[in-house]
Amino acid sequence: MLIRIVKLTFQEEKIHEFLTFFDGIKNQVNSFPGCQGMKLIQSIENPCIIMTYSHWKGPDDLENYRTSETFGKIWPTIKPWFSEKPEAWSMETYFDGF
């Protein structure tokens, strides 16, 4: 399993617009083939920082999403709302105490 964490830093005036947009597309991403679940988390200290935390069966599944029509519609919509360059990490679980 692959864990993908993406840090998005939004312009303050675009946060509500992004959250509204996300509500309309979250199920498409969460049910994408190979996606085993996704969370959207927001910083308490800086609400402009929002992260996606998703589980994928493997790297090929994530790549299929990243090259999909779904992603091709989402990313160009939200990209102009960023105030900083997005950061992303692909991780594996070493220990899971949940």
C-alpha atoms as a PDB file:
ATOM      1  CA  MET A   1       0.000   0.000   0.000  1.00  0.00           C
ATOM      2  CA  LEU A   2       1.148   3.504  -0.822  1.00  0.00           C
ATOM      3  CA  ILE A   3       0.253   6.560   1.238  1.00  0.00           C
ATOM      4  CA  ARG A   4       0.153   9.870  -0.603  1.00  0.00           C
ATOM      5  CA  ILE A   5       0.300  13.151   1.277  1.00  0.00           C
ATOM      6  CA  VAL A   6      -0.125  16.392  -0.653  1.00  0.00           C
ATOM      7  CA  LYS A   7       0.252  19.792   0.989  1.00  0.00           C
ATOM      8  CA  LEU A   8      -1.722  22.580  -0.671  1.00  0.00           C
ATOM      9  CA  THR A   9      -1.370  26.170   0.483  1.00  0.00           C
ATOM     10  CA  PHE A  10      -4.250  28.325  -0.695  1.00  0.00           C
ATOM     11  CA  GLN A  11      -4.810  32.028  -0.995  1.00  0.00           C
ATOM     12  CA  GLU A  12      -6.951  32.933   2.013  1.00  0.00           C
ATOM     13  CA  GLU A  13      -9.811  34.215  -0.132  1.00  0.00           C
ATOM     14  CA  LYS A  14      -9.926  30.903  -2.069  1.00  0.00           C
ATOM     15  CA  ILE A  15     -10.286  28.475   0.867  1.00  0.00           C
ATOM     16  CA  HIS A  16     -14.100  28.498   0.915  1.00  0.00           C
ATOM     17  CA  GLU A  17     -14.199  28.133  -2.872  1.00  0.00           C
ATOM     18  CA  PHE A  18     -11.844  25.150  -2.695  1.00  0.00           C
ATOM     19  CA  LEU A  19     -13.806  23.432   0.091  1.00  0.00           C
ATOM     20  CA  THR A  20     -17.037  23.890  -1.857  1.00  0.00           C
ATOM     21  CA  PHE A  21     -15.366  22.517  -4.998  1.00  0.00           C
ATOM     22  CA  PHE A  22     -13.919  19.600  -3.014  1.00  0.00           C
ATOM     23  CA  ASP A  23     -17.355  18.634  -1.712  1.00  0.00           C
ATOM     24  CA  GLY A  24     -18.419  18.186  -5.323  1.00  0.00           C
ATOM     25  CA  ILE A  25     -15.489  15.945  -6.352  1.00  0.00           C
ATOM     26  CA  LYS A  26     -14.455  14.088  -3.192  1.00  0.00           C
ATOM     27  CA  ASN A  27     -16.440  10.937  -3.985  1.00  0.00           C
ATOM     28  CA  GLN A  28     -14.955  10.724  -7.496  1.00  0.00           C
ATOM     29  CA  VAL A  29     -11.456  10.689  -6.052  1.00  0.00           C
ATOM     30  CA  ASN A  30     -12.272   8.473  -3.084  1.00  0.00           C
ATOM     31  CA  SER A  31     -13.888   5.853  -5.332  1.00  0.00           C
ATOM     32  CA  PHE A  32     -11.248   6.004  -8.081  1.00  0.00           C
ATOM     33  CA  PRO A  33      -9.942   2.501  -8.927  1.00  0.00           C
ATOM     34  CA  GLY A  34      -7.011   1.729  -6.651  1.00  0.00           C
ATOM     35  CA  CYS A  35      -7.849   4.386  -4.065  1.00  0.00           C
ATOM     36  CA  GLN A  36      -8.494   2.769  -0.700  1.00  0.00           C
ATOM     37  CA  GLY A  37      -9.570   5.953   1.069  1.00  0.00           C
ATOM     38  CA  MET A  38      -8.817   9.621   1.385  1.00  0.00           C
ATOM     39  CA  LYS A  39      -8.897  12.360   4.021  1.00  0.00           C
ATOM     40  CA  LEU A  40      -8.798  16.115   3.636  1.00  0.00           C
ATOM     41  CA  ILE A  41      -7.186  17.784   6.637  1.00  0.00           C
ATOM     42  CA  GLN A  42      -6.740  21.472   7.422  1.00  0.00           C
ATOM     43  CA  SER A  43      -4.166  23.133   9.645  1.00  0.00           C
ATOM     44  CA  ILE A  44      -5.483  24.616  12.876  1.00  0.00           C
ATOM     45  CA  GLU A  45      -2.652  27.168  13.050  1.00  0.00           C
ATOM     46  CA  ASN A  46      -2.855  28.185   9.379  1.00  0.00           C
ATOM     47  CA  PRO A  47      -6.199  27.362   7.692  1.00  0.00           C
ATOM     48  CA  CYS A  48      -4.644  28.169   4.302  1.00  0.00           C
ATOM     49  CA  ILE A  49      -2.757  24.862   4.551  1.00  0.00           C
ATOM     50  CA  ILE A  50      -4.872  21.916   3.484  1.00  0.00           C
ATOM     51  CA  MET A  51      -3.555  18.410   2.914  1.00  0.00           C
ATOM     52  CA  THR A  52      -4.864  15.347   1.210  1.00  0.00           C
ATOM     53  CA  TYR A  53      -3.996  12.020   2.801  1.00  0.00           C
ATOM     54  CA  SER A  54      -4.834   9.046   0.613  1.00  0.00           C
ATOM     55  CA  HIS A  55      -4.149   5.316   0.489  1.00  0.00           C
ATOM     56  CA  TRP A  56      -3.503   3.598  -2.833  1.00  0.00           C
ATOM     57  CA  LYS A  57      -3.065  -0.082  -3.636  1.00  0.00           C
ATOM     58  CA  GLY A  58       0.247   0.745  -5.299  1.00  0.00           C
ATOM     59  CA  PRO A  59       2.258   3.260  -7.322  1.00  0.00           C
ATOM     60  CA  ASP A  60       0.587   2.272 -10.596  1.00  0.00           C
ATOM     61  CA  ASP A  61      -2.841   3.058  -9.145  1.00  0.00           C
ATOM     62  CA  LEU A  62      -1.708   6.505  -8.043  1.00  0.00           C
ATOM     63  CA  GLU A  63      -0.147   7.142 -11.450  1.00  0.00           C
ATOM     64  CA  ASN A  64      -3.361   6.051 -13.180  1.00  0.00           C
ATOM     65  CA  TYR A  65      -5.207   8.661 -11.113  1.00  0.00           C
ATOM     66  CA  ARG A  66      -2.620  11.357 -11.805  1.00  0.00           C
ATOM     67  CA  THR A  67      -2.956  10.777 -15.570  1.00  0.00           C
ATOM     68  CA  SER A  68      -6.748  10.387 -15.502  1.00  0.00           C
ATOM     69  CA  GLU A  69      -9.432  12.628 -16.928  1.00  0.00           C
ATOM     70  CA  THR A  70     -10.688  13.166 -13.356  1.00  0.00           C
ATOM     71  CA  PHE A  71      -7.355  14.595 -12.182  1.00  0.00           C
ATOM     72  CA  GLY A  72      -7.067  16.495 -15.460  1.00  0.00           C
ATOM     73  CA  LYS A  73     -10.215  18.414 -14.554  1.00  0.00           C
ATOM     74  CA  ILE A  74      -9.460  18.936 -10.853  1.00  0.00           C
ATOM     75  CA  TRP A  75      -5.883  20.190 -10.963  1.00  0.00           C
ATOM     76  CA  PRO A  76      -6.302  23.022 -13.527  1.00  0.00           C
ATOM     77  CA  THR A  77      -9.302  24.276 -11.545  1.00  0.00           C
ATOM     78  CA  ILE A  78      -7.544  24.500  -8.163  1.00  0.00           C
ATOM     79  CA  LYS A  79      -3.997  25.346  -9.269  1.00  0.00           C
ATOM     80  CA  PRO A  80      -4.656  29.118  -9.663  1.00  0.00           C
ATOM     81  CA  TRP A  81      -5.924  29.207  -6.053  1.00  0.00           C
ATOM     82  CA  PHE A  82      -2.540  28.237  -4.555  1.00  0.00           C
ATOM     83  CA  SER A  83      -0.344  30.774  -2.814  1.00  0.00           C
ATOM     84  CA  GLU A  84       2.643  28.401  -2.715  1.00  0.00           C
ATOM     85  CA  LYS A  85       3.894  25.518  -4.800  1.00  0.00           C
ATOM     86  CA  PRO A  86       2.248  22.235  -3.703  1.00  0.00           C
ATOM     87  CA  GLU A  87       4.378  19.591  -2.000  1.00  0.00           C
ATOM     88  CA  ALA A  88       3.772  15.859  -2.240  1.00  0.00           C
ATOM     89  CA  TRP A  89       5.163  12.715  -0.658  1.00  0.00           C
ATOM     90  CA  SER A  90       4.611   9.035  -1.408  1.00  0.00           C
ATOM     91  CA  MET A  91       5.113   6.998   1.755  1.00  0.00           C
ATOM     92  CA  GLU A  92       4.875   3.481   3.167  1.00  0.00           C
ATOM     93  CA  THR A  93       3.681   2.654   6.658  1.00  0.00           C
ATOM     94  CA  TYR A  94       6.413   1.599   9.053  1.00  0.00           C
ATOM     95  CA  PHE A  95       4.170   1.327  12.121  1.00  0.00           C
ATOM     96  CA  ASP A  96       0.423   1.755  12.475  1.00  0.00           C
ATOM     97  CA  GLY A  97      -0.874   2.033  16.004  1.00  0.00           C
ATOM     98  CA  PHE A  98      -4.426   3.010  15.061  1.00  0.00           C
END
